[in-house]
Each structure stands twice: as C-alpha cells, then as structure tokens.
Amino acid sequence: MTSTQPPPPPPPPVTTYERQYYPMPPMPAPPLELIVFVLAWVVVLIVTVAADSVDWSAFLFATTFLSAAFIISRGIAKAGKVYESR
C-alpha cells in the first residue's frame, strides 16, 4: 500500500495597505430627511448671522423646531417600513 500525502494548504492571502483581507462594506447613504435638515439648519444659521432682526433665541427656536420635525419624519418613515413588512 502506498500512502499519499494530502496537498499542502494554500497560503493565506497577503494583507497589505493596498488590499485589505476583509473589504470594508459600502457606507449607506444618509437619509434624505437628514440632508434636508442640515440644509435648512445652515440656511437658518446664515439668516441669523446676516440679518439684524433675527437673534440667537430665534435661531435656537428654529433649531428646536427643525430637530423635532426631523425626529417625527424619521419616526413616520420607520413606522411605514414596519407597516409594509406585515
């Protein structure tokens, strides 16, 4: 009887800075509500800085209102996804 040896295992892939062993997953795009929130907040900030009639308390009120609207819109979006999965 002749015994055969199994072939040697293949060498592991080379890890270098150019090529990672495990590639990074793609980053998901931010939700549209976040983009609209940030753009609206920047517009309110510019108006607050540029206009004399708008003070910082109005800016804080607008920021609070925009934040609440953003949270509500995300809640509605998540509730819609739960409703669709049923």
PDB file of N, CA and C in Angstrom:
ATOM      1  N   MET A   1       0.826  -1.165   0.000  1.00  0.00           N
ATOM      2  CA  MET A   1       0.000   0.000   0.000  1.00  0.00           C
ATOM      3  C   MET A   1       0.881   1.244   0.000  1.00  0.00           C
ATOM      4  N   THR A   2       0.493   2.102  -0.825  1.00  0.00           N
ATOM      5  CA  THR A   2       1.231   3.366  -0.862  1.00  0.00           C
ATOM      6  C   THR A   2       0.374   4.440  -0.212  1.00  0.00           C
ATOM      7  N   SER A   3       0.978   5.201   0.622  1.00  0.00           N
ATOM      8  CA  SER A   3       0.235   6.294   1.269  1.00  0.00           C
ATOM      9  C   SER A   3       0.572   7.598   0.549  1.00  0.00           C
ATOM     10  N   THR A   4      -0.453   8.320   0.251  1.00  0.00           N
ATOM     11  CA  THR A   4      -0.250   9.623  -0.398  1.00  0.00           C
ATOM     12  C   THR A   4      -0.542  10.711   0.621  1.00  0.00           C
ATOM     13  N   GLN A   5       0.268  11.675   0.566  1.00  0.00           N
ATOM     14  CA  GLN A   5       0.071  12.792   1.486  1.00  0.00           C
ATOM     15  C   GLN A   5      -0.879  13.799   0.852  1.00  0.00           C
ATOM     16  N   PRO A   6      -1.731  14.410   1.668  1.00  0.00           N
ATOM     17  CA  PRO A   6      -2.625  15.416   1.102  1.00  0.00           C
ATOM     18  C   PRO A   6      -1.812  16.625   0.644  1.00  0.00           C
ATOM     19  N   PRO A   7      -2.336  17.330  -0.330  1.00  0.00           N
ATOM     20  CA  PRO A   7      -1.594  18.504  -0.802  1.00  0.00           C
ATOM     21  C   PRO A   7      -1.530  19.560   0.308  1.00  0.00           C
ATOM     22  N   PRO A   8      -0.489  20.357   0.313  1.00  0.00           N
ATOM     23  CA  PRO A   8      -0.377  21.385   1.366  1.00  0.00           C
ATOM     24  C   PRO A   8      -1.478  22.438   1.187  1.00  0.00           C
ATOM     25  N   PRO A   9      -1.914  23.030   2.281  1.00  0.00           N
ATOM     26  CA  PRO A   9      -2.969  24.041   2.172  1.00  0.00           C
ATOM     27  C   PRO A   9      -2.447  25.281   1.435  1.00  0.00           C
ATOM     28  N   PRO A  10      -3.341  26.000   0.779  1.00  0.00           N
ATOM     29  CA  PRO A  10      -2.887  27.186   0.063  1.00  0.00           C
ATOM     30  C   PRO A  10      -2.437  28.256   1.053  1.00  0.00           C
ATOM     31  N   PRO A  11      -1.529  29.095   0.642  1.00  0.00           N
ATOM     32  CA  PRO A  11      -1.066  30.143   1.562  1.00  0.00           C
ATOM     33  C   PRO A  11      -2.178  31.173   1.789  1.00  0.00           C
ATOM     34  N   PRO A  12      -2.195  31.790   2.964  1.00  0.00           N
ATOM     35  CA  PRO A  12      -3.226  32.801   3.224  1.00  0.00           C
ATOM     36  C   PRO A  12      -3.002  34.024   2.333  1.00  0.00           C
ATOM     37  N   PRO A  13      -4.061  34.771   2.068  1.00  0.00           N
ATOM     38  CA  PRO A  13      -3.897  35.965   1.237  1.00  0.00           C
ATOM     39  C   PRO A  13      -3.006  36.983   1.930  1.00  0.00           C
ATOM     40  N   VAL A  14      -2.310  37.718   1.138  1.00  0.00           N
ATOM     41  CA  VAL A  14      -1.394  38.717   1.662  1.00  0.00           C
ATOM     42  C   VAL A  14      -2.193  39.946   2.079  1.00  0.00           C
ATOM     43  N   THR A  15      -1.957  40.407   3.295  1.00  0.00           N
ATOM     44  CA  THR A  15      -2.611  41.634   3.751  1.00  0.00           C
ATOM     45  C   THR A  15      -1.614  42.776   3.670  1.00  0.00           C
ATOM     46  N   THR A  16      -1.953  43.752   2.892  1.00  0.00           N
ATOM     47  CA  THR A  16      -1.109  44.925   2.756  1.00  0.00           C
ATOM     48  C   THR A  16      -1.985  46.154   2.928  1.00  0.00           C
ATOM     49  N   TYR A  17      -1.375  47.304   2.851  1.00  0.00           N
ATOM     50  CA  TYR A  17      -2.142  48.540   2.952  1.00  0.00           C
ATOM     51  C   TYR A  17      -2.950  48.796   1.687  1.00  0.00           C
ATOM     52  N   GLU A  18      -2.526  48.257   0.565  1.00  0.00           N
ATOM     53  CA  GLU A  18      -3.257  48.464  -0.683  1.00  0.00           C
ATOM     54  C   GLU A  18      -4.526  47.618  -0.743  1.00  0.00           C
ATOM     55  N   ARG A  19      -4.465  46.415  -0.200  1.00  0.00           N
ATOM     56  CA  ARG A  19      -5.600  45.492  -0.296  1.00  0.00           C
ATOM     57  C   ARG A  19      -5.846  44.887   1.075  1.00  0.00           C
ATOM     58  N   GLN A  20      -7.033  45.103   1.594  1.00  0.00           N
ATOM     59  CA  GLN A  20      -7.346  44.562   2.908  1.00  0.00           C
ATOM     60  C   GLN A  20      -7.830  43.132   2.779  1.00  0.00           C
ATOM     61  N   TYR A  21      -7.641  42.377   3.838  1.00  0.00           N
ATOM     62  CA  TYR A  21      -8.074  40.985   3.826  1.00  0.00           C
ATOM     63  C   TYR A  21      -9.592  40.910   3.752  1.00  0.00           C
ATOM     64  N   TYR A  22     -10.268  41.711   4.558  1.00  0.00           N
ATOM     65  CA  TYR A  22     -11.725  41.801   4.510  1.00  0.00           C
ATOM     66  C   TYR A  22     -12.083  43.191   4.025  1.00  0.00           C
ATOM     67  N   PRO A  23     -12.716  43.301   2.878  1.00  0.00           N
ATOM     68  CA  PRO A  23     -13.011  44.643   2.370  1.00  0.00           C
ATOM     69  C   PRO A  23     -14.056  45.343   3.238  1.00  0.00           C
ATOM     70  N   MET A  24     -13.986  46.644   3.277  1.00  0.00           N
ATOM     71  CA  MET A  24     -14.952  47.431   4.038  1.00  0.00           C
ATOM     72  C   MET A  24     -16.297  47.405   3.320  1.00  0.00           C
ATOM     73  N   PRO A  25     -17.369  47.239   4.056  1.00  0.00           N
ATOM     74  CA  PRO A  25     -18.680  47.290   3.404  1.00  0.00           C
ATOM     75  C   PRO A  25     -18.966  48.722   2.960  1.00  0.00           C
ATOM     76  N   PRO A  26     -19.763  48.883   1.918  1.00  0.00           N
ATOM     77  CA  PRO A  26     -20.054  50.241   1.463  1.00  0.00           C
ATOM     78  C   PRO A  26     -20.876  50.989   2.506  1.00  0.00           C
ATOM     79  N   MET A  27     -20.615  52.279   2.629  1.00  0.00           N
ATOM     80  CA  MET A  27     -21.357  53.102   3.571  1.00  0.00           C
ATOM     81  C   MET A  27     -22.730  53.419   3.010  1.00  0.00           C
ATOM     82  N   PRO A  28     -23.760  53.251   3.804  1.00  0.00           N
ATOM     83  CA  PRO A  28     -25.090  53.585   3.295  1.00  0.00           C
ATOM     84  C   PRO A  28     -25.247  55.095   3.163  1.00  0.00           C
ATOM     85  N   ALA A  29     -26.067  55.511   2.242  1.00  0.00           N
ATOM     86  CA  ALA A  29     -26.314  56.936   2.039  1.00  0.00           C
ATOM     87  C   ALA A  29     -27.127  57.474   3.211  1.00  0.00           C
ATOM     88  N   PRO A  30     -26.889  58.720   3.593  1.00  0.00           N
ATOM     89  CA  PRO A  30     -27.696  59.282   4.683  1.00  0.00           C
ATOM     90  C   PRO A  30     -29.144  59.454   4.227  1.00  0.00           C
ATOM     91  N   PRO A  31     -30.075  59.398   5.160  1.00  0.00           N
ATOM     92  CA  PRO A  31     -31.475  59.566   4.771  1.00  0.00           C
ATOM     93  C   PRO A  31     -31.726  60.968   4.232  1.00  0.00           C
ATOM     94  N   LEU A  32     -32.681  61.071   3.351  1.00  0.00           N
ATOM     95  CA  LEU A  32     -32.994  62.351   2.723  1.00  0.00           C
ATOM     96  C   LEU A  32     -33.435  63.380   3.753  1.00  0.00           C
ATOM     97  N   GLU A  33     -34.130  62.933   4.801  1.00  0.00           N
ATOM     98  CA  GLU A  33     -34.570  63.862   5.835  1.00  0.00           C
ATOM     99  C   GLU A  33     -33.384  64.534   6.515  1.00  0.00           C
ATOM    100  N   LEU A  34     -32.285  63.798   6.709  1.00  0.00           N
ATOM    101  CA  LEU A  34     -31.097  64.376   7.335  1.00  0.00           C
ATOM    102  C   LEU A  34     -30.474  65.438   6.440  1.00  0.00           C
ATOM    103  N   ILE A  35     -30.433  65.183   5.154  1.00  0.00           N
ATOM    104  CA  ILE A  35     -29.861  66.161   4.224  1.00  0.00           C
ATOM    105  C   ILE A  35     -30.701  67.434   4.226  1.00  0.00           C
ATOM    106  N   VAL A  36     -32.020  67.281   4.196  1.00  0.00           N
ATOM    107  CA  VAL A  36     -32.904  68.452   4.221  1.00  0.00           C
ATOM    108  C   VAL A  36     -32.757  69.184   5.553  1.00  0.00           C
ATOM    109  N   PHE A  37     -32.648  68.454   6.655  1.00  0.00           N
ATOM    110  CA  PHE A  37     -32.470  69.079   7.968  1.00  0.00           C
ATOM    111  C   PHE A  37     -31.194  69.905   8.017  1.00  0.00           C
ATOM    112  N   VAL A  38     -30.097  69.346   7.556  1.00  0.00           N
ATOM    113  CA  VAL A  38     -28.815  70.059   7.603  1.00  0.00           C
ATOM    114  C   VAL A  38     -28.856  71.296   6.704  1.00  0.00           C
ATOM    115  N   LEU A  39     -29.420  71.159   5.505  1.00  0.00           N
ATOM    116  CA  LEU A  39     -29.510  72.320   4.616  1.00  0.00           C
ATOM    117  C   LEU A  39     -30.386  73.418   5.218  1.00  0.00           C
ATOM    118  N   ALA A  40     -31.517  73.036   5.795  1.00  0.00           N
ATOM    119  CA  ALA A  40     -32.390  74.039   6.412  1.00  0.00           C
ATOM    120  C   ALA A  40     -31.710  74.693   7.607  1.00  0.00           C
ATOM    121  N   TRP A  41     -30.978  73.920   8.386  1.00  0.00           N
ATOM    122  CA  TRP A  41     -30.273  74.469   9.541  1.00  0.00           C
ATOM    123  C   TRP A  41     -29.196  75.456   9.101  1.00  0.00           C
ATOM    124  N   VAL A  42     -28.490  75.139   8.023  1.00  0.00           N
ATOM    125  CA  VAL A  42     -27.459  76.049   7.519  1.00  0.00           C
ATOM    126  C   VAL A  42     -28.096  77.347   7.018  1.00  0.00           C
ATOM    127  N   VAL A  43     -29.237  77.245   6.340  1.00  0.00           N
ATOM    128  CA  VAL A  43     -29.931  78.448   5.873  1.00  0.00           C
ATOM    129  C   VAL A  43     -30.365  79.309   7.055  1.00  0.00           C
ATOM    130  N   VAL A  44     -30.910  78.682   8.095  1.00  0.00           N
ATOM    131  CA  VAL A  44     -31.324  79.431   9.279  1.00  0.00           C
ATOM    132  C   VAL A  44     -30.115  80.070   9.955  1.00  0.00           C
ATOM    133  N   LEU A  45     -29.000  79.373   9.999  1.00  0.00           N
ATOM    134  CA  LEU A  45     -27.780  79.936  10.581  1.00  0.00           C
ATOM    135  C   LEU A  45     -27.299  81.147   9.796  1.00  0.00           C
ATOM    136  N   ILE A  46     -27.308  81.042   8.480  1.00  0.00           N
ATOM    137  CA  ILE A  46     -26.864  82.172   7.642  1.00  0.00           C
ATOM    138  C   ILE A  46     -27.791  83.369   7.822  1.00  0.00           C
ATOM    139  N   VAL A  47     -29.098  83.120   7.865  1.00  0.00           N
ATOM    140  CA  VAL A  47     -30.050  84.218   8.068  1.00  0.00           C
ATOM    141  C   VAL A  47     -29.845  84.846   9.438  1.00  0.00           C
ATOM    142  N   THR A  48     -29.583  84.040  10.453  1.00  0.00           N
ATOM    143  CA  THR A  48     -29.359  84.572  11.797  1.00  0.00           C
ATOM    144  C   THR A  48     -28.119  85.449  11.849  1.00  0.00           C
ATOM    145  N   VAL A  49     -27.062  85.031  11.189  1.00  0.00           N
ATOM    146  CA  VAL A  49     -25.823  85.806  11.203  1.00  0.00           C
ATOM    147  C   VAL A  49     -25.963  87.069  10.351  1.00  0.00           C
ATOM    148  N   ALA A  50     -26.659  86.969   9.219  1.00  0.00           N
ATOM    149  CA  ALA A  50     -26.718  88.084   8.277  1.00  0.00           C
ATOM    150  C   ALA A  50     -27.764  89.134   8.654  1.00  0.00           C
ATOM    151  N   ALA A  51     -28.887  88.725   9.216  1.00  0.00           N
ATOM    152  CA  ALA A  51     -29.977  89.676   9.472  1.00  0.00           C
ATOM    153  C   ALA A  51     -29.896  90.212  10.894  1.00  0.00           C
ATOM    154  N   ASP A  52     -30.192  91.492  11.024  1.00  0.00           N
ATOM    155  CA  ASP A  52     -30.199  92.098  12.355  1.00  0.00           C
ATOM    156  C   ASP A  52     -31.488  91.797  13.105  1.00  0.00           C
ATOM    157  N   SER A  53     -32.562  91.523  12.385  1.00  0.00           N
ATOM    158  CA  SER A  53     -33.846  91.315  13.044  1.00  0.00           C
ATOM    159  C   SER A  53     -33.988  89.917  13.636  1.00  0.00           C
ATOM    160  N   VAL A  54     -33.149  88.990  13.244  1.00  0.00           N
ATOM    161  CA  VAL A  54     -33.208  87.619  13.762  1.00  0.00           C
ATOM    162  C   VAL A  54     -32.090  87.461  14.782  1.00  0.00           C
ATOM    163  N   ASP A  55     -32.471  87.133  16.032  1.00  0.00           N
ATOM    164  CA  ASP A  55     -31.464  86.967  17.076  1.00  0.00           C
ATOM    165  C   ASP A  55     -31.231  85.483  17.355  1.00  0.00           C
ATOM    166  N   TRP A  56     -30.357  85.212  18.318  1.00  0.00           N
ATOM    167  CA  TRP A  56     -29.971  83.833  18.580  1.00  0.00           C
ATOM    168  C   TRP A  56     -31.087  83.036  19.245  1.00  0.00           C
ATOM    169  N   SER A  57     -31.976  83.700  19.962  1.00  0.00           N
ATOM    170  CA  SER A  57     -33.096  82.949  20.542  1.00  0.00           C
ATOM    171  C   SER A  57     -34.015  82.431  19.433  1.00  0.00           C
ATOM    172  N   ALA A  58     -34.195  83.212  18.371  1.00  0.00           N
ATOM    173  CA  ALA A  58     -34.978  82.735  17.227  1.00  0.00           C
ATOM    174  C   ALA A  58     -34.254  81.580  16.530  1.00  0.00           C
ATOM    175  N   PHE A  59     -32.925  81.657  16.478  1.00  0.00           N
ATOM    176  CA  PHE A  59     -32.144  80.565  15.889  1.00  0.00           C
ATOM    177  C   PHE A  59     -32.318  79.282  16.699  1.00  0.00           C
ATOM    178  N   LEU A  60     -32.275  79.400  18.022  1.00  0.00           N
ATOM    179  CA  LEU A  60     -32.464  78.212  18.862  1.00  0.00           C
ATOM    180  C   LEU A  60     -33.878  77.656  18.710  1.00  0.00           C
ATOM    181  N   PHE A  61     -34.874  78.533  18.600  1.00  0.00           N
ATOM    182  CA  PHE A  61     -36.241  78.065  18.386  1.00  0.00           C
ATOM    183  C   PHE A  61     -36.345  77.336  17.050  1.00  0.00           C
ATOM    184  N   ALA A  62     -35.747  77.901  15.998  1.00  0.00           N
ATOM    185  CA  ALA A  62     -35.789  77.256  14.680  1.00  0.00           C
ATOM    186  C   ALA A  62     -35.059  75.920  14.710  1.00  0.00           C
ATOM    187  N   THR A  63     -33.932  75.852  15.416  1.00  0.00           N
ATOM    188  CA  THR A  63     -33.193  74.598  15.531  1.00  0.00           C
ATOM    189  C   THR A  63     -34.028  73.547  16.261  1.00  0.00           C
ATOM    190  N   THR A  64     -34.701  73.952  17.318  1.00  0.00           N
ATOM    191  CA  THR A  64     -35.564  73.020  18.055  1.00  0.00           C
ATOM    192  C   THR A  64     -36.705  72.532  17.167  1.00  0.00           C
ATOM    193  N   PHE A  65     -37.311  73.443  16.436  1.00  0.00           N
ATOM    194  CA  PHE A  65     -38.417  73.072  15.546  1.00  0.00           C
ATOM    195  C   PHE A  65     -37.932  72.117  14.456  1.00  0.00           C
ATOM    196  N   LEU A  66     -36.780  72.418  13.830  1.00  0.00           N
ATOM    197  CA  LEU A  66     -36.250  71.541  12.783  1.00  0.00           C
ATOM    198  C   LEU A  66     -35.880  70.166  13.339  1.00  0.00           C
ATOM    199  N   SER A  67     -35.311  70.123  14.541  1.00  0.00           N
ATOM    200  CA  SER A  67     -34.955  68.838  15.152  1.00  0.00           C
ATOM    201  C   SER A  67     -36.194  68.000  15.437  1.00  0.00           C
ATOM    202  N   ALA A  68     -37.236  68.639  15.953  1.00  0.00           N
ATOM    203  CA  ALA A  68     -38.472  67.904  16.226  1.00  0.00           C
ATOM    204  C   ALA A  68     -39.091  67.390  14.930  1.00  0.00           C
ATOM    205  N   ALA A  69     -39.079  68.229  13.889  1.00  0.00           N
ATOM    206  CA  ALA A  69     -39.627  67.782  12.604  1.00  0.00           C
ATOM    207  C   ALA A  69     -38.819  66.617  12.039  1.00  0.00           C
ATOM    208  N   PHE A  70     -37.498  66.657  12.210  1.00  0.00           N
ATOM    209  CA  PHE A  70     -36.650  65.563  11.728  1.00  0.00           C
ATOM    210  C   PHE A  70     -36.969  64.269  12.472  1.00  0.00           C
ATOM    211  N   ILE A  71     -37.092  64.343  13.796  1.00  0.00           N
ATOM    212  CA  ILE A  71     -37.377  63.140  14.586  1.00  0.00           C
ATOM    213  C   ILE A  71     -38.746  62.569  14.209  1.00  0.00           C
ATOM    214  N   ILE A  72     -39.731  63.439  14.040  1.00  0.00           N
ATOM    215  CA  ILE A  72     -41.066  62.970  13.647  1.00  0.00           C
ATOM    216  C   ILE A  72     -41.029  62.327  12.264  1.00  0.00           C
ATOM    217  N   SER A  73     -40.303  62.935  11.321  1.00  0.00           N
ATOM    218  CA  SER A  73     -40.242  62.364   9.967  1.00  0.00           C
ATOM    219  C   SER A  73     -39.549  61.008   9.963  1.00  0.00           C
ATOM    220  N   ARG A  74     -38.514  60.837  10.785  1.00  0.00           N
ATOM    221  CA  ARG A  74     -37.849  59.526  10.869  1.00  0.00           C
ATOM    222  C   ARG A  74     -38.773  58.499  11.510  1.00  0.00           C
ATOM    223  N   GLY A  75     -39.548  58.919  12.500  1.00  0.00           N
ATOM    224  CA  GLY A  75     -40.500  58.000  13.114  1.00  0.00           C
ATOM    225  C   GLY A  75     -41.572  57.555  12.142  1.00  0.00           C
ATOM    226  N   ILE A  76     -42.051  58.494  11.321  1.00  0.00           N
ATOM    227  CA  ILE A  76     -43.047  58.142  10.312  1.00  0.00           C
ATOM    228  C   ILE A  76     -42.444  57.184   9.285  1.00  0.00           C
ATOM    229  N   ALA A  77     -41.189  57.435   8.889  1.00  0.00           N
ATOM    230  CA  ALA A  77     -40.539  56.557   7.910  1.00  0.00           C
ATOM    231  C   ALA A  77     -40.350  55.152   8.471  1.00  0.00           C
ATOM    232  N   LYS A  78     -39.942  55.052   9.721  1.00  0.00           N
ATOM    233  CA  LYS A  78     -39.757  53.728  10.320  1.00  0.00           C
ATOM    234  C   LYS A  78     -41.091  53.023  10.520  1.00  0.00           C
ATOM    235  N   ALA A  79     -42.109  53.782  10.893  1.00  0.00           N
ATOM    236  CA  ALA A  79     -43.429  53.174  11.062  1.00  0.00           C
ATOM    237  C   ALA A  79     -43.950  52.670   9.719  1.00  0.00           C
ATOM    238  N   GLY A  80     -43.668  53.385   8.651  1.00  0.00           N
ATOM    239  CA  GLY A  80     -44.083  52.933   7.327  1.00  0.00           C
ATOM    240  C   GLY A  80     -43.396  51.641   6.919  1.00  0.00           C
ATOM    241  N   LYS A  81     -42.127  51.484   7.300  1.00  0.00           N
ATOM    242  CA  LYS A  81     -41.410  50.251   6.972  1.00  0.00           C
ATOM    243  C   LYS A  81     -41.981  49.070   7.755  1.00  0.00           C
ATOM    244  N   VAL A  82     -42.357  49.293   9.012  1.00  0.00           N
ATOM    245  CA  VAL A  82     -42.942  48.224   9.817  1.00  0.00           C
ATOM    246  C   VAL A  82     -44.287  47.830   9.249  1.00  0.00           C
ATOM    247  N   TYR A  83     -45.064  48.819   8.819  1.00  0.00           N
ATOM    248  CA  TYR A  83     -46.387  48.545   8.249  1.00  0.00           C
ATOM    249  C   TYR A  83     -46.270  47.781   6.939  1.00  0.00           C
ATOM    250  N   GLU A  84     -45.239  48.089   6.120  1.00  0.00           N
ATOM    251  CA  GLU A  84     -45.069  47.400   4.834  1.00  0.00           C
ATOM    252  C   GLU A  84     -44.652  45.948   5.022  1.00  0.00           C
ATOM    253  N   SER A  85     -43.944  45.633   6.097  1.00  0.00           N
ATOM    254  CA  SER A  85     -43.433  44.269   6.277  1.00  0.00           C
ATOM    255  C   SER A  85     -44.524  43.307   6.748  1.00  0.00           C
ATOM    256  N   ARG A  86     -45.676  43.805   7.136  1.00  0.00           N
ATOM    257  CA  ARG A  86     -46.749  42.924   7.604  1.00  0.00           C
ATOM    258  C   ARG A  86     -47.471  42.283   6.457  1.00  0.00           C
TER     259      ARG A  86
END
